[in-house]
Amino acid sequence: MRLARRAILLGTVSILALGQALPAQAAVTIRGRCNFFDPARVSVQHGTRVVWRGACATHTVTAYGGNWSKDVTISQGQTTGKTFRQTGVFKFRCRIHSTLSDGVCTGMCGRVRVN
């Protein structure tokens, strides 16, 4: 009888947990190194703030791909950020250290995947 009650309780708790939204993560930092983003790809929960920090030279954080807007220049020690509230894939690049041709980015490019 105790085993059956525990199984029912565990099942109920599991169902309740699945129905709740996952909490946002603490801020995630992407560093603009001399010619690459570190890390270039991150996956976060919706509601998470992503911060880009200049760690070397001058860079831009420029959105591409059409589903968001950002175009900010940062130098070493400066930051810019965005809190992602919608799911999807959000691509960004440095206009100074990358090229974009037919929607394909080469060079200093990255993406944020929001779950």
PDB file of N, CA and C in Angstrom:
ATOM      1  N   MET A   1       0.825  -1.196   0.000  1.00  0.00           N
ATOM      2  CA  MET A   1       0.000   0.000   0.000  1.00  0.00           C
ATOM      3  C   MET A   1       0.872   1.265   0.000  1.00  0.00           C
ATOM      4  N   ARG A   2       1.925   1.283   0.817  1.00  0.00           N
ATOM      5  CA  ARG A   2       2.826   2.444   0.844  1.00  0.00           C
ATOM      6  C   ARG A   2       3.476   2.665  -0.506  1.00  0.00           C
ATOM      7  N   LEU A   3       3.882   1.586  -1.141  1.00  0.00           N
ATOM      8  CA  LEU A   3       4.522   1.683  -2.447  1.00  0.00           C
ATOM      9  C   LEU A   3       3.566   2.286  -3.479  1.00  0.00           C
ATOM     10  N   ALA A   4       2.318   1.891  -3.446  1.00  0.00           N
ATOM     11  CA  ALA A   4       1.322   2.429  -4.374  1.00  0.00           C
ATOM     12  C   ALA A   4       1.108   3.922  -4.138  1.00  0.00           C
ATOM     13  N   ARG A   5       1.042   4.355  -2.877  1.00  0.00           N
ATOM     14  CA  ARG A   5       0.876   5.785  -2.564  1.00  0.00           C
ATOM     15  C   ARG A   5       2.076   6.594  -3.052  1.00  0.00           C
ATOM     16  N   ARG A   6       3.261   6.054  -2.845  1.00  0.00           N
ATOM     17  CA  ARG A   6       4.469   6.754  -3.297  1.00  0.00           C
ATOM     18  C   ARG A   6       4.481   6.890  -4.815  1.00  0.00           C
ATOM     19  N   ALA A   7       4.072   5.831  -5.505  1.00  0.00           N
ATOM     20  CA  ALA A   7       4.033   5.871  -6.967  1.00  0.00           C
ATOM     21  C   ALA A   7       3.036   6.916  -7.449  1.00  0.00           C
ATOM     22  N   ILE A   8       1.883   6.994  -6.808  1.00  0.00           N
ATOM     23  CA  ILE A   8       0.871   7.985  -7.185  1.00  0.00           C
ATOM     24  C   ILE A   8       1.390   9.390  -6.904  1.00  0.00           C
ATOM     25  N   LEU A   9       1.992   9.583  -5.747  1.00  0.00           N
ATOM     26  CA  LEU A   9       2.537  10.894  -5.384  1.00  0.00           C
ATOM     27  C   LEU A   9       3.633  11.303  -6.359  1.00  0.00           C
ATOM     28  N   LEU A  10       4.549  10.407  -6.680  1.00  0.00           N
ATOM     29  CA  LEU A  10       5.629  10.702  -7.611  1.00  0.00           C
ATOM     30  C   LEU A  10       5.069  11.049  -8.987  1.00  0.00           C
ATOM     31  N   GLY A  11       4.077  10.299  -9.446  1.00  0.00           N
ATOM     32  CA  GLY A  11       3.452  10.571 -10.741  1.00  0.00           C
ATOM     33  C   GLY A  11       2.790  11.935 -10.765  1.00  0.00           C
ATOM     34  N   THR A  12       2.102  12.302  -9.680  1.00  0.00           N
ATOM     35  CA  THR A  12       1.432  13.597  -9.594  1.00  0.00           C
ATOM     36  C   THR A  12       2.448  14.734  -9.614  1.00  0.00           C
ATOM     37  N   VAL A  13       3.528  14.591  -8.849  1.00  0.00           N
ATOM     38  CA  VAL A  13       4.569  15.613  -8.805  1.00  0.00           C
ATOM     39  C   VAL A  13       5.208  15.758 -10.185  1.00  0.00           C
ATOM     40  N   SER A  14       5.455  14.639 -10.873  1.00  0.00           N
ATOM     41  CA  SER A  14       6.060  14.685 -12.207  1.00  0.00           C
ATOM     42  C   SER A  14       5.159  15.411 -13.191  1.00  0.00           C
ATOM     43  N   ILE A  15       3.864  15.139 -13.159  1.00  0.00           N
ATOM     44  CA  ILE A  15       2.920  15.800 -14.056  1.00  0.00           C
ATOM     45  C   ILE A  15       2.880  17.292 -13.773  1.00  0.00           C
ATOM     46  N   LEU A  16       2.872  17.679 -12.518  1.00  0.00           N
ATOM     47  CA  LEU A  16       2.855  19.104 -12.173  1.00  0.00           C
ATOM     48  C   LEU A  16       4.126  19.787 -12.647  1.00  0.00           C
ATOM     49  N   ALA A  17       5.248  19.126 -12.472  1.00  0.00           N
ATOM     50  CA  ALA A  17       6.524  19.722 -12.879  1.00  0.00           C
ATOM     51  C   ALA A  17       6.575  19.923 -14.388  1.00  0.00           C
ATOM     52  N   LEU A  18       6.036  18.989 -15.159  1.00  0.00           N
ATOM     53  CA  LEU A  18       6.048  19.120 -16.609  1.00  0.00           C
ATOM     54  C   LEU A  18       5.187  20.276 -17.081  1.00  0.00           C
ATOM     55  N   GLY A  19       4.162  20.617 -16.349  1.00  0.00           N
ATOM     56  CA  GLY A  19       3.259  21.685 -16.751  1.00  0.00           C
ATOM     57  C   GLY A  19       3.769  23.071 -16.447  1.00  0.00           C
ATOM     58  N   GLN A  20       4.843  23.176 -15.686  1.00  0.00           N
ATOM     59  CA  GLN A  20       5.362  24.488 -15.315  1.00  0.00           C
ATOM     60  C   GLN A  20       6.437  24.926 -16.299  1.00  0.00           C
ATOM     61  N   ALA A  21       6.500  26.216 -16.540  1.00  0.00           N
ATOM     62  CA  ALA A  21       7.529  26.765 -17.414  1.00  0.00           C
ATOM     63  C   ALA A  21       8.879  26.689 -16.727  1.00  0.00           C
ATOM     64  N   LEU A  22       9.913  26.469 -17.528  1.00  0.00           N
ATOM     65  CA  LEU A  22      11.261  26.454 -16.981  1.00  0.00           C
ATOM     66  C   LEU A  22      11.676  27.882 -16.650  1.00  0.00           C
ATOM     67  N   PRO A  23      12.368  28.087 -15.533  1.00  0.00           N
ATOM     68  CA  PRO A  23      12.799  29.438 -15.192  1.00  0.00           C
ATOM     69  C   PRO A  23      13.900  29.912 -16.135  1.00  0.00           C
ATOM     70  N   ALA A  24      13.980  31.210 -16.321  1.00  0.00           N
ATOM     71  CA  ALA A  24      15.044  31.777 -17.142  1.00  0.00           C
ATOM     72  C   ALA A  24      16.387  31.516 -16.482  1.00  0.00           C
ATOM     73  N   GLN A  25      17.398  31.402 -17.304  1.00  0.00           N
ATOM     74  CA  GLN A  25      18.743  31.228 -16.799  1.00  0.00           C
ATOM     75  C   GLN A  25      19.284  32.576 -16.329  1.00  0.00           C
ATOM     76  N   ALA A  26      20.372  32.516 -15.584  1.00  0.00           N
ATOM     77  CA  ALA A  26      21.085  33.755 -15.274  1.00  0.00           C
ATOM     78  C   ALA A  26      21.628  34.293 -16.599  1.00  0.00           C
ATOM     79  N   ALA A  27      22.078  35.503 -16.624  1.00  0.00           N
ATOM     80  CA  ALA A  27      22.598  36.098 -17.862  1.00  0.00           C
ATOM     81  C   ALA A  27      23.718  35.243 -18.449  1.00  0.00           C
ATOM     82  N   VAL A  28      23.755  35.177 -19.760  1.00  0.00           N
ATOM     83  CA  VAL A  28      24.780  34.446 -20.494  1.00  0.00           C
ATOM     84  C   VAL A  28      25.644  35.487 -21.198  1.00  0.00           C
ATOM     85  N   THR A  29      26.958  35.351 -21.088  1.00  0.00           N
ATOM     86  CA  THR A  29      27.874  36.324 -21.694  1.00  0.00           C
ATOM     87  C   THR A  29      28.567  35.723 -22.909  1.00  0.00           C
ATOM     88  N   ILE A  30      28.576  36.492 -23.990  1.00  0.00           N
ATOM     89  CA  ILE A  30      29.314  36.149 -25.200  1.00  0.00           C
ATOM     90  C   ILE A  30      30.397  37.211 -25.356  1.00  0.00           C
ATOM     91  N   ARG A  31      31.630  36.796 -25.464  1.00  0.00           N
ATOM     92  CA  ARG A  31      32.742  37.753 -25.575  1.00  0.00           C
ATOM     93  C   ARG A  31      33.147  37.932 -27.033  1.00  0.00           C
ATOM     94  N   GLY A  32      33.368  39.176 -27.412  1.00  0.00           N
ATOM     95  CA  GLY A  32      33.894  39.486 -28.741  1.00  0.00           C
ATOM     96  C   GLY A  32      35.405  39.462 -28.663  1.00  0.00           C
ATOM     97  N   ARG A  33      36.001  38.318 -29.037  1.00  0.00           N
ATOM     98  CA  ARG A  33      37.469  38.192 -29.047  1.00  0.00           C
ATOM     99  C   ARG A  33      38.000  38.938 -30.271  1.00  0.00           C
ATOM    100  N   CYS A  34      39.279  38.781 -30.579  1.00  0.00           N
ATOM    101  CA  CYS A  34      39.868  39.572 -31.665  1.00  0.00           C
ATOM    102  C   CYS A  34      39.216  39.318 -33.019  1.00  0.00           C
ATOM    103  N   ASN A  35      38.799  38.085 -33.316  1.00  0.00           N
ATOM    104  CA  ASN A  35      38.123  37.847 -34.603  1.00  0.00           C
ATOM    105  C   ASN A  35      37.074  36.737 -34.513  1.00  0.00           C
ATOM    106  N   PHE A  36      36.529  36.490 -33.318  1.00  0.00           N
ATOM    107  CA  PHE A  36      35.466  35.502 -33.162  1.00  0.00           C
ATOM    108  C   PHE A  36      34.673  35.776 -31.889  1.00  0.00           C
ATOM    109  N   PHE A  37      33.446  35.292 -31.860  1.00  0.00           N
ATOM    110  CA  PHE A  37      32.618  35.362 -30.655  1.00  0.00           C
ATOM    111  C   PHE A  37      32.879  34.119 -29.823  1.00  0.00           C
ATOM    112  N   ASP A  38      32.929  34.280 -28.501  1.00  0.00           N
ATOM    113  CA  ASP A  38      33.244  33.180 -27.596  1.00  0.00           C
ATOM    114  C   ASP A  38      32.235  33.130 -26.452  1.00  0.00           C
ATOM    115  N   PRO A  39      31.302  32.163 -26.473  1.00  0.00           N
ATOM    116  CA  PRO A  39      31.061  31.173 -27.528  1.00  0.00           C
ATOM    117  C   PRO A  39      30.271  31.797 -28.667  1.00  0.00           C
ATOM    118  N   ALA A  40      30.353  31.170 -29.829  1.00  0.00           N
ATOM    119  CA  ALA A  40      29.635  31.680 -31.001  1.00  0.00           C
ATOM    120  C   ALA A  40      28.186  31.231 -31.004  1.00  0.00           C
ATOM    121  N   ARG A  41      27.893  30.127 -30.322  1.00  0.00           N
ATOM    122  CA  ARG A  41      26.533  29.577 -30.289  1.00  0.00           C
ATOM    123  C   ARG A  41      26.148  29.285 -28.851  1.00  0.00           C
ATOM    124  N   VAL A  42      24.989  29.786 -28.477  1.00  0.00           N
ATOM    125  CA  VAL A  42      24.469  29.501 -27.138  1.00  0.00           C
ATOM    126  C   VAL A  42      23.008  29.093 -27.243  1.00  0.00           C
ATOM    127  N   SER A  43      22.576  28.267 -26.303  1.00  0.00           N
ATOM    128  CA  SER A  43      21.167  27.896 -26.170  1.00  0.00           C
ATOM    129  C   SER A  43      20.705  28.339 -24.798  1.00  0.00           C
ATOM    130  N   VAL A  44      19.589  29.064 -24.754  1.00  0.00           N
ATOM    131  CA  VAL A  44      19.077  29.608 -23.502  1.00  0.00           C
ATOM    132  C   VAL A  44      17.577  29.380 -23.405  1.00  0.00           C
ATOM    133  N   GLN A  45      17.041  29.524 -22.212  1.00  0.00           N
ATOM    134  CA  GLN A  45      15.596  29.488 -22.005  1.00  0.00           C
ATOM    135  C   GLN A  45      15.033  30.882 -22.289  1.00  0.00           C
ATOM    136  N   HIS A  46      13.767  30.948 -22.723  1.00  0.00           N
ATOM    137  CA  HIS A  46      13.179  32.268 -22.972  1.00  0.00           C
ATOM    138  C   HIS A  46      13.166  33.055 -21.662  1.00  0.00           C
ATOM    139  N   GLY A  47      13.364  34.340 -21.775  1.00  0.00           N
ATOM    140  CA  GLY A  47      13.462  35.203 -20.599  1.00  0.00           C
ATOM    141  C   GLY A  47      14.886  35.409 -20.118  1.00  0.00           C
ATOM    142  N   THR A  48      15.846  34.779 -20.789  1.00  0.00           N
ATOM    143  CA  THR A  48      17.254  34.899 -20.399  1.00  0.00           C
ATOM    144  C   THR A  48      17.886  36.111 -21.071  1.00  0.00           C
ATOM    145  N   ARG A  49      18.706  36.818 -20.326  1.00  0.00           N
ATOM    146  CA  ARG A  49      19.442  37.970 -20.878  1.00  0.00           C
ATOM    147  C   ARG A  49      20.781  37.478 -21.425  1.00  0.00           C
ATOM    148  N   VAL A  50      21.070  37.858 -22.651  1.00  0.00           N
ATOM    149  CA  VAL A  50      22.363  37.567 -23.271  1.00  0.00           C
ATOM    150  C   VAL A  50      23.133  38.879 -23.334  1.00  0.00           C
ATOM    151  N   VAL A  51      24.373  38.852 -22.873  1.00  0.00           N
ATOM    152  CA  VAL A  51      25.224  40.037 -22.840  1.00  0.00           C
ATOM    153  C   VAL A  51      26.427  39.790 -23.736  1.00  0.00           C
ATOM    154  N   TRP A  52      26.684  40.717 -24.637  1.00  0.00           N
ATOM    155  CA  TRP A  52      27.891  40.664 -25.459  1.00  0.00           C
ATOM    156  C   TRP A  52      28.890  41.621 -24.832  1.00  0.00           C
ATOM    157  N   ARG A  53      30.114  41.162 -24.613  1.00  0.00           N
ATOM    158  CA  ARG A  53      31.157  41.980 -23.980  1.00  0.00           C
ATOM    159  C   ARG A  53      32.350  42.069 -24.926  1.00  0.00           C
ATOM    160  N   GLY A  54      32.802  43.290 -25.176  1.00  0.00           N
ATOM    161  CA  GLY A  54      33.992  43.491 -25.993  1.00  0.00           C
ATOM    162  C   GLY A  54      35.223  43.064 -25.222  1.00  0.00           C
ATOM    163  N   ALA A  55      35.953  42.095 -25.751  1.00  0.00           N
ATOM    164  CA  ALA A  55      37.145  41.596 -25.065  1.00  0.00           C
ATOM    165  C   ALA A  55      38.419  41.891 -25.849  1.00  0.00           C
ATOM    166  N   CYS A  56      38.257  42.372 -27.068  1.00  0.00           N
ATOM    167  CA  CYS A  56      39.415  42.672 -27.902  1.00  0.00           C
ATOM    168  C   CYS A  56      38.928  43.483 -29.103  1.00  0.00           C
ATOM    169  N   ALA A  57      39.548  44.562 -29.401  1.00  0.00           N
ATOM    170  CA  ALA A  57      39.235  45.373 -30.586  1.00  0.00           C
ATOM    171  C   ALA A  57      37.820  45.951 -30.526  1.00  0.00           C
ATOM    172  N   THR A  58      37.367  46.487 -31.643  1.00  0.00           N
ATOM    173  CA  THR A  58      36.012  47.027 -31.775  1.00  0.00           C
ATOM    174  C   THR A  58      35.213  46.076 -32.654  1.00  0.00           C
ATOM    175  N   HIS A  59      33.985  45.788 -32.221  1.00  0.00           N
ATOM    176  CA  HIS A  59      33.104  44.872 -32.944  1.00  0.00           C
ATOM    177  C   HIS A  59      31.711  45.468 -33.001  1.00  0.00           C
ATOM    178  N   THR A  60      30.886  44.886 -33.874  1.00  0.00           N
ATOM    179  CA  THR A  60      29.464  45.194 -33.835  1.00  0.00           C
ATOM    180  C   THR A  60      28.729  43.918 -33.435  1.00  0.00           C
ATOM    181  N   VAL A  61      27.589  44.092 -32.839  1.00  0.00           N
ATOM    182  CA  VAL A  61      26.639  43.001 -32.624  1.00  0.00           C
ATOM    183  C   VAL A  61      25.467  43.378 -33.511  1.00  0.00           C
ATOM    184  N   THR A  62      25.397  42.708 -34.656  1.00  0.00           N
ATOM    185  CA  THR A  62      24.433  43.068 -35.694  1.00  0.00           C
ATOM    186  C   THR A  62      23.551  41.873 -36.010  1.00  0.00           C
ATOM    187  N   ALA A  63      22.257  42.060 -35.866  1.00  0.00           N
ATOM    188  CA  ALA A  63      21.299  40.997 -36.173  1.00  0.00           C
ATOM    189  C   ALA A  63      21.211  40.796 -37.675  1.00  0.00           C
ATOM    190  N   TYR A  64      20.999  39.544 -38.066  1.00  0.00           N
ATOM    191  CA  TYR A  64      20.666  39.255 -39.464  1.00  0.00           C
ATOM    192  C   TYR A  64      19.732  38.053 -39.494  1.00  0.00           C
ATOM    193  N   GLY A  65      19.032  37.896 -40.578  1.00  0.00           N
ATOM    194  CA  GLY A  65      18.081  36.799 -40.676  1.00  0.00           C
ATOM    195  C   GLY A  65      16.645  37.242 -40.524  1.00  0.00           C
ATOM    196  N   GLY A  66      16.413  38.506 -40.156  1.00  0.00           N
ATOM    197  CA  GLY A  66      15.081  39.063 -40.216  1.00  0.00           C
ATOM    198  C   GLY A  66      14.169  38.909 -39.019  1.00  0.00           C
ATOM    199  N   ASN A  67      14.538  38.131 -37.975  1.00  0.00           N
ATOM    200  CA  ASN A  67      13.563  37.941 -36.906  1.00  0.00           C
ATOM    201  C   ASN A  67      13.852  38.764 -35.646  1.00  0.00           C
ATOM    202  N   TRP A  68      14.839  39.661 -35.699  1.00  0.00           N
ATOM    203  CA  TRP A  68      15.081  40.559 -34.572  1.00  0.00           C
ATOM    204  C   TRP A  68      15.920  41.734 -35.051  1.00  0.00           C
ATOM    205  N   SER A  69      16.097  42.723 -34.187  1.00  0.00           N
ATOM    206  CA  SER A  69      16.797  43.933 -34.573  1.00  0.00           C
ATOM    207  C   SER A  69      17.866  44.277 -33.535  1.00  0.00           C
ATOM    208  N   LYS A  70      19.093  44.435 -33.994  1.00  0.00           N
ATOM    209  CA  LYS A  70      20.178  44.882 -33.120  1.00  0.00           C
ATOM    210  C   LYS A  70      21.334  45.284 -34.016  1.00  0.00           C
ATOM    211  N   ASP A  71      21.939  46.420 -33.755  1.00  0.00           N
ATOM    212  CA  ASP A  71      23.130  46.862 -34.471  1.00  0.00           C
ATOM    213  C   ASP A  71      23.859  47.851 -33.570  1.00  0.00           C
ATOM    214  N   VAL A  72      24.760  47.318 -32.754  1.00  0.00           N
ATOM    215  CA  VAL A  72      25.452  48.116 -31.749  1.00  0.00           C
ATOM    216  C   VAL A  72      26.953  47.888 -31.885  1.00  0.00           C
ATOM    217  N   THR A  73      27.728  48.944 -31.760  1.00  0.00           N
ATOM    218  CA  THR A  73      29.184  48.838 -31.768  1.00  0.00           C
ATOM    219  C   THR A  73      29.678  48.809 -30.328  1.00  0.00           C
ATOM    220  N   ILE A  74      30.563  47.850 -30.032  1.00  0.00           N
ATOM    221  CA  ILE A  74      31.162  47.763 -28.693  1.00  0.00           C
ATOM    222  C   ILE A  74      32.682  47.693 -28.817  1.00  0.00           C
ATOM    223  N   SER A  75      33.357  48.332 -27.898  1.00  0.00           N
ATOM    224  CA  SER A  75      34.809  48.277 -27.815  1.00  0.00           C
ATOM    225  C   SER A  75      35.199  47.445 -26.599  1.00  0.00           C
ATOM    226  N   GLN A  76      36.481  47.237 -26.436  1.00  0.00           N
ATOM    227  CA  GLN A  76      36.967  46.446 -25.316  1.00  0.00           C
ATOM    228  C   GLN A  76      36.429  46.995 -23.989  1.00  0.00           C
ATOM    229  N   GLY A  77      35.821  46.120 -23.193  1.00  0.00           N
ATOM    230  CA  GLY A  77      35.265  46.494 -21.898  1.00  0.00           C
ATOM    231  C   GLY A  77      33.818  46.953 -21.941  1.00  0.00           C
ATOM    232  N   GLN A  78      33.292  47.262 -23.113  1.00  0.00           N
ATOM    233  CA  GLN A  78      31.898  47.695 -23.232  1.00  0.00           C
ATOM    234  C   GLN A  78      30.975  46.484 -23.419  1.00  0.00           C
ATOM    235  N   THR A  79      29.704  46.678 -23.088  1.00  0.00           N
ATOM    236  CA  THR A  79      28.723  45.601 -23.232  1.00  0.00           C
ATOM    237  C   THR A  79      27.452  46.111 -23.897  1.00  0.00           C
ATOM    238  N   THR A  80      26.711  45.172 -24.433  1.00  0.00           N
ATOM    239  CA  THR A  80      25.353  45.393 -24.902  1.00  0.00           C
ATOM    240  C   THR A  80      24.594  44.108 -24.611  1.00  0.00           C
ATOM    241  N   GLY A  81      23.303  44.193 -24.442  1.00  0.00           N
ATOM    242  CA  GLY A  81      22.555  42.984 -24.104  1.00  0.00           C
ATOM    243  C   GLY A  81      21.145  42.988 -24.644  1.00  0.00           C
ATOM    244  N   LYS A  82      20.533  41.814 -24.549  1.00  0.00           N
ATOM    245  CA  LYS A  82      19.138  41.650 -24.950  1.00  0.00           C
ATOM    246  C   LYS A  82      18.544  40.508 -24.138  1.00  0.00           C
ATOM    247  N   THR A  83      17.324  40.715 -23.644  1.00  0.00           N
ATOM    248  CA  THR A  83      16.577  39.654 -22.980  1.00  0.00           C
ATOM    249  C   THR A  83      15.672  39.017 -24.028  1.00  0.00           C
ATOM    250  N   PHE A  84      15.870  37.731 -24.268  1.00  0.00           N
ATOM    251  CA  PHE A  84      15.113  37.018 -25.285  1.00  0.00           C
ATOM    252  C   PHE A  84      13.844  36.451 -24.663  1.00  0.00           C
ATOM    253  N   ARG A  85      12.695  36.934 -25.124  1.00  0.00           N
ATOM    254  CA  ARG A  85      11.402  36.542 -24.566  1.00  0.00           C
ATOM    255  C   ARG A  85      10.610  35.621 -25.492  1.00  0.00           C
ATOM    256  N   GLN A  86      11.114  35.373 -26.693  1.00  0.00           N
ATOM    257  CA  GLN A  86      10.434  34.485 -27.628  1.00  0.00           C
ATOM    258  C   GLN A  86      11.369  33.365 -28.045  1.00  0.00           C
ATOM    259  N   THR A  87      10.797  32.199 -28.315  1.00  0.00           N
ATOM    260  CA  THR A  87      11.616  31.088 -28.771  1.00  0.00           C
ATOM    261  C   THR A  87      12.012  31.306 -30.231  1.00  0.00           C
ATOM    262  N   GLY A  88      13.096  30.697 -30.619  1.00  0.00           N
ATOM    263  CA  GLY A  88      13.567  30.785 -31.994  1.00  0.00           C
ATOM    264  C   GLY A  88      15.074  30.830 -32.047  1.00  0.00           C
ATOM    265  N   VAL A  89      15.591  31.025 -33.250  1.00  0.00           N
ATOM    266  CA  VAL A  89      17.035  31.149 -33.471  1.00  0.00           C
ATOM    267  C   VAL A  89      17.302  32.577 -33.931  1.00  0.00           C
ATOM    268  N   PHE A  90      18.199  33.237 -33.237  1.00  0.00           N
ATOM    269  CA  PHE A  90      18.506  34.641 -33.486  1.00  0.00           C
ATOM    270  C   PHE A  90      19.979  34.738 -33.877  1.00  0.00           C
ATOM    271  N   LYS A  91      20.230  35.097 -35.144  1.00  0.00           N
ATOM    272  CA  LYS A  91      21.594  35.146 -35.670  1.00  0.00           C
ATOM    273  C   LYS A  91      22.170  36.550 -35.506  1.00  0.00           C
ATOM    274  N   PHE A  92      23.491  36.593 -35.274  1.00  0.00           N
ATOM    275  CA  PHE A  92      24.180  37.875 -35.154  1.00  0.00           C
ATOM    276  C   PHE A  92      25.564  37.758 -35.760  1.00  0.00           C
ATOM    277  N   ARG A  93      26.156  38.913 -36.048  1.00  0.00           N
ATOM    278  CA  ARG A  93      27.490  38.937 -36.629  1.00  0.00           C
ATOM    279  C   ARG A  93      28.176  40.247 -36.294  1.00  0.00           C
ATOM    280  N   CYS A  94      29.466  40.295 -36.513  1.00  0.00           N
ATOM    281  CA  CYS A  94      30.222  41.542 -36.447  1.00  0.00           C
ATOM    282  C   CYS A  94      30.379  42.026 -37.885  1.00  0.00           C
ATOM    283  N   ARG A  95      29.842  43.202 -38.192  1.00  0.00           N
ATOM    284  CA  ARG A  95      29.942  43.738 -39.551  1.00  0.00           C
ATOM    285  C   ARG A  95      31.388  43.999 -39.966  1.00  0.00           C
ATOM    286  N   ILE A  96      32.272  44.254 -39.000  1.00  0.00           N
ATOM    287  CA  ILE A  96      33.673  44.563 -39.300  1.00  0.00           C
ATOM    288  C   ILE A  96      34.447  43.296 -39.667  1.00  0.00           C
ATOM    289  N   HIS A  97      34.136  42.190 -39.006  1.00  0.00           N
ATOM    290  CA  HIS A  97      34.919  40.956 -39.144  1.00  0.00           C
ATOM    291  C   HIS A  97      34.146  39.799 -39.774  1.00  0.00           C
ATOM    292  N   SER A  98      33.128  40.088 -40.562  1.00  0.00           N
ATOM    293  CA  SER A  98      32.382  39.016 -41.239  1.00  0.00           C
ATOM    294  C   SER A  98      31.869  39.521 -42.579  1.00  0.00           C
ATOM    295  N   THR A  99      31.427  38.581 -43.395  1.00  0.00           N
ATOM    296  CA  THR A  99      30.754  38.931 -44.634  1.00  0.00           C
ATOM    297  C   THR A  99      29.423  38.188 -44.671  1.00  0.00           C
ATOM    298  N   LEU A 100      28.471  38.790 -45.334  1.00  0.00           N
ATOM    299  CA  LEU A 100      27.137  38.207 -45.455  1.00  0.00           C
ATOM    300  C   LEU A 100      26.785  38.191 -46.934  1.00  0.00           C
ATOM    301  N   SER A 101      26.557  36.984 -47.461  1.00  0.00           N
ATOM    302  CA  SER A 101      26.228  36.845 -48.872  1.00  0.00           C
ATOM    303  C   SER A 101      25.086  35.844 -49.014  1.00  0.00           C
ATOM    304  N   ASP A 102      23.989  36.280 -49.604  1.00  0.00           N
ATOM    305  CA  ASP A 102      22.800  35.428 -49.783  1.00  0.00           C
ATOM    306  C   ASP A 102      22.338  34.810 -48.471  1.00  0.00           C
ATOM    307  N   GLY A 103      22.427  35.574 -47.376  1.00  0.00           N
ATOM    308  CA  GLY A 103      21.962  35.113 -46.073  1.00  0.00           C
ATOM    309  C   GLY A 103      22.933  34.220 -45.333  1.00  0.00           C
ATOM    310  N   VAL A 104      24.107  33.960 -45.924  1.00  0.00           N
ATOM    311  CA  VAL A 104      25.114  33.103 -45.292  1.00  0.00           C
ATOM    312  C   VAL A 104      26.233  33.976 -44.740  1.00  0.00           C
ATOM    313  N   CYS A 105      26.496  33.824 -43.455  1.00  0.00           N
ATOM    314  CA  CYS A 105      27.530  34.615 -42.780  1.00  0.00           C
ATOM    315  C   CYS A 105      28.815  33.797 -42.690  1.00  0.00           C
ATOM    316  N   THR A 106      29.939  34.426 -43.020  1.00  0.00           N
ATOM    317  CA  THR A 106      31.250  33.811 -42.820  1.00  0.00           C
ATOM    318  C   THR A 106      32.101  34.773 -42.005  1.00  0.00           C
ATOM    319  N   GLY A 107      32.952  34.212 -41.187  1.00  0.00           N
ATOM    320  CA  GLY A 107      33.793  35.029 -40.319  1.00  0.00           C
ATOM    321  C   GLY A 107      33.216  35.079 -38.911  1.00  0.00           C
ATOM    322  N   MET A 108      33.137  36.260 -38.361  1.00  0.00           N
ATOM    323  CA  MET A 108      32.709  36.446 -36.966  1.00  0.00           C
ATOM    324  C   MET A 108      31.188  36.470 -36.893  1.00  0.00           C
ATOM    325  N   CYS A 109      30.600  35.271 -36.744  1.00  0.00           N
ATOM    326  CA  CYS A 109      29.147  35.083 -36.762  1.00  0.00           C
ATOM    327  C   CYS A 109      28.741  34.247 -35.559  1.00  0.00           C
ATOM    328  N   GLY A 110      27.482  34.342 -35.170  1.00  0.00           N
ATOM    329  CA  GLY A 110      26.996  33.529 -34.043  1.00  0.00           C
ATOM    330  C   GLY A 110      25.500  33.422 -34.058  1.00  0.00           C
ATOM    331  N   ARG A 111      24.991  32.687 -33.071  1.00  0.00           N
ATOM    332  CA  ARG A 111      23.539  32.542 -32.949  1.00  0.00           C
ATOM    333  C   ARG A 111      23.166  32.267 -31.509  1.00  0.00           C
ATOM    334  N   VAL A 112      21.946  32.701 -31.173  1.00  0.00           N
ATOM    335  CA  VAL A 112      21.334  32.407 -29.884  1.00  0.00           C
ATOM    336  C   VAL A 112      20.099  31.564 -30.176  1.00  0.00           C
ATOM    337  N   ARG A 113      20.045  30.372 -29.623  1.00  0.00           N
ATOM    338  CA  ARG A 113      18.846  29.522 -29.741  1.00  0.00           C
ATOM    339  C   ARG A 113      18.083  29.658 -28.441  1.00  0.00           C
ATOM    340  N   VAL A 114      16.811  30.071 -28.544  1.00  0.00           N
ATOM    341  CA  VAL A 114      15.980  30.279 -27.363  1.00  0.00           C
ATOM    342  C   VAL A 114      14.926  29.189 -27.330  1.00  0.00           C
ATOM    343  N   ASN A 115      14.929  28.414 -26.249  1.00  0.00           N
ATOM    344  CA  ASN A 115      13.981  27.304 -26.078  1.00  0.00           C
ATOM    345  C   ASN A 115      12.790  27.751 -25.261  1.00  0.00           C
TER     346      ASN A 115
END
